[in-house]
Structures are given as structure tokens and as C-alpha cells.
Amino acid sequence: MSNDTLRALNARFIHNFITNDVPSHDAILHKVGLLVAVYCNYSQ
């Protein structure tokens, strides 16, 4: 992921957390969790 993509994701994550937008916040966490899982599987 590019730095711009990570910045945008981080901004959405913080906004969703502050505004208590639980479904959107959970969706980001799920997406990030999947990306981490994929990365971990490929880096082993």
C-alpha cells in the first residue's frame, strides 16, 4: 500500500472511531485484519 492509501485509511479509521460509526469502523478493522493475514502468509 502506498503512503497516501495508508493516510486515507487512517483518517477514515479515526473519523469512524470519533463519530462512533461502529459498522464502518469494524469494516476497516476486518479489511486490515485480512491484509495482515495475507501478508503474514506470504512472508513466511
N, C-alpha and C. Protein backbone atom coordinates (compact mmCIF):
# COMPACT_ATOMS: atom_id res chain seq x y z
N MET A 1 0.83 -1.18 0.00
CA MET A 1 0.00 0.00 0.00
C MET A 1 0.87 1.24 0.00
N SER A 2 0.42 2.24 -0.71
CA SER A 2 1.18 3.49 -0.75
C SER A 2 0.94 4.30 0.53
N ASN A 3 1.79 5.26 0.76
CA ASN A 3 1.63 6.13 1.93
C ASN A 3 0.32 6.89 1.88
N ASP A 4 -0.07 7.34 0.68
CA ASP A 4 -1.34 8.08 0.54
C ASP A 4 -2.53 7.20 0.90
N THR A 5 -2.48 5.94 0.49
CA THR A 5 -3.55 5.00 0.80
C THR A 5 -3.64 4.77 2.32
N LEU A 6 -2.48 4.59 2.94
CA LEU A 6 -2.46 4.39 4.39
C LEU A 6 -2.94 5.62 5.14
N ARG A 7 -2.56 6.81 4.67
CA ARG A 7 -3.04 8.05 5.30
C ARG A 7 -4.56 8.17 5.21
N ALA A 8 -5.11 7.86 4.04
CA ALA A 8 -6.56 7.93 3.85
C ALA A 8 -7.28 6.92 4.73
N LEU A 9 -6.74 5.71 4.80
CA LEU A 9 -7.33 4.68 5.64
C LEU A 9 -7.28 5.09 7.12
N ASN A 10 -6.16 5.64 7.54
CA ASN A 10 -6.01 6.09 8.91
C ASN A 10 -6.99 7.21 9.23
N ALA A 11 -7.17 8.15 8.31
CA ALA A 11 -8.10 9.26 8.52
C ALA A 11 -9.54 8.75 8.66
N ARG A 12 -9.92 7.79 7.81
CA ARG A 12 -11.27 7.20 7.92
C ARG A 12 -11.43 6.45 9.22
N PHE A 13 -10.41 5.70 9.60
CA PHE A 13 -10.43 4.93 10.84
C PHE A 13 -10.67 5.85 12.04
N ILE A 14 -9.91 6.94 12.12
CA ILE A 14 -10.04 7.89 13.23
C ILE A 14 -11.41 8.56 13.20
N HIS A 15 -11.85 8.98 12.01
CA HIS A 15 -13.17 9.62 11.90
C HIS A 15 -14.28 8.68 12.36
N ASN A 16 -14.22 7.44 11.91
CA ASN A 16 -15.25 6.46 12.30
C ASN A 16 -15.22 6.20 13.80
N PHE A 17 -14.04 6.16 14.38
CA PHE A 17 -13.91 5.94 15.82
C PHE A 17 -14.50 7.12 16.60
N ILE A 18 -14.15 8.33 16.20
CA ILE A 18 -14.62 9.52 16.90
C ILE A 18 -16.13 9.70 16.77
N THR A 19 -16.67 9.42 15.59
CA THR A 19 -18.11 9.59 15.37
C THR A 19 -18.91 8.35 15.80
N ASN A 20 -18.21 7.35 16.32
CA ASN A 20 -18.84 6.12 16.80
C ASN A 20 -19.61 5.39 15.69
N ASP A 21 -19.04 5.42 14.48
CA ASP A 21 -19.61 4.70 13.33
C ASP A 21 -19.09 3.27 13.39
N VAL A 22 -19.74 2.47 14.22
CA VAL A 22 -19.26 1.12 14.51
C VAL A 22 -19.21 0.23 13.27
N PRO A 23 -20.25 0.19 12.43
CA PRO A 23 -20.17 -0.69 11.27
C PRO A 23 -19.00 -0.36 10.33
N SER A 24 -18.77 0.93 10.08
CA SER A 24 -17.66 1.32 9.21
C SER A 24 -16.32 1.05 9.88
N HIS A 25 -16.24 1.31 11.17
CA HIS A 25 -15.01 1.06 11.92
C HIS A 25 -14.68 -0.43 11.90
N ASP A 26 -15.68 -1.26 12.13
CA ASP A 26 -15.48 -2.71 12.10
C ASP A 26 -15.08 -3.20 10.71
N ALA A 27 -15.66 -2.59 9.68
CA ALA A 27 -15.32 -2.98 8.31
C ALA A 27 -13.85 -2.70 8.02
N ILE A 28 -13.34 -1.55 8.49
CA ILE A 28 -11.93 -1.23 8.29
C ILE A 28 -11.07 -2.22 9.05
N LEU A 29 -11.43 -2.51 10.29
CA LEU A 29 -10.64 -3.46 11.08
C LEU A 29 -10.61 -4.83 10.40
N HIS A 30 -11.75 -5.24 9.86
CA HIS A 30 -11.82 -6.53 9.17
C HIS A 30 -10.92 -6.53 7.94
N LYS A 31 -10.98 -5.44 7.17
CA LYS A 31 -10.17 -5.33 5.95
C LYS A 31 -8.69 -5.34 6.30
N VAL A 32 -8.31 -4.58 7.32
CA VAL A 32 -6.90 -4.54 7.73
C VAL A 32 -6.47 -5.90 8.25
N GLY A 33 -7.32 -6.56 9.00
CA GLY A 33 -7.01 -7.89 9.50
C GLY A 33 -6.76 -8.88 8.38
N LEU A 34 -7.56 -8.81 7.32
CA LEU A 34 -7.37 -9.69 6.17
C LEU A 34 -6.05 -9.39 5.47
N LEU A 35 -5.73 -8.10 5.32
CA LEU A 35 -4.48 -7.72 4.68
C LEU A 35 -3.28 -8.22 5.48
N VAL A 36 -3.35 -8.11 6.80
CA VAL A 36 -2.26 -8.59 7.65
C VAL A 36 -2.13 -10.11 7.54
N ALA A 37 -3.25 -10.81 7.54
CA ALA A 37 -3.22 -12.27 7.43
C ALA A 37 -2.60 -12.69 6.11
N VAL A 38 -2.96 -12.04 5.03
CA VAL A 38 -2.41 -12.37 3.73
C VAL A 38 -0.92 -12.08 3.71
N TYR A 39 -0.53 -10.94 4.22
CA TYR A 39 0.89 -10.57 4.26
C TYR A 39 1.68 -11.60 5.08
N CYS A 40 1.17 -11.96 6.22
CA CYS A 40 1.88 -12.92 7.09
C CYS A 40 2.03 -14.27 6.42
N ASN A 41 1.02 -14.71 5.68
CA ASN A 41 1.10 -15.99 4.99
C ASN A 41 2.12 -15.96 3.87
N TYR A 42 2.24 -14.84 3.17
CA TYR A 42 3.18 -14.74 2.07
C TYR A 42 4.60 -14.47 2.53
N SER A 43 4.75 -13.93 3.72
CA SER A 43 6.11 -13.57 4.18
C SER A 43 6.80 -14.71 4.91
N GLN A 44 6.11 -15.81 5.11
CA GLN A 44 6.72 -16.95 5.82
C GLN A 44 7.48 -17.85 4.90
